[in-house]
Amino acid sequence: MSFQHLSEDYVPTHVQNRRIIELLEEILHETRASKTIKRMWSLDDIAAYLNRSKITIQQRVVCKPDFPDAVRIPTKAGRLGPLWYQDEVLKWIKRHQKK
């Protein structure tokens, strides 16, 4: 089969399909990787999610022994406020849901 009559921009269909599959695999890989990134929640985030005040969350929720441990990030000026992994907090909330 002669391709002399085709322009230089022509790419055979099987090559195009292979490239499309490669791009889809890259997108799938990146999507899966992005799901492994854990989002952090502050007291404000937890309070907003539970529709309660920050002080209520601080005094009645995050102090519970079975509540997930906070992460405290050190900085030059000391530490950031406590942060919790969103997925751990959501699992904790689900465990305490009435059935």
Foldseek 3Di string as FASTA:
>chain_A
DDCVVPDPPDDDPVVVVVVVVVVVVVVVVVVVVVVPDWDKDALVRVCVVVVHDSVCCVPPNCPDPPQDDWDWDADPVGTDHTIDGPVSRVVVVVVPDDD
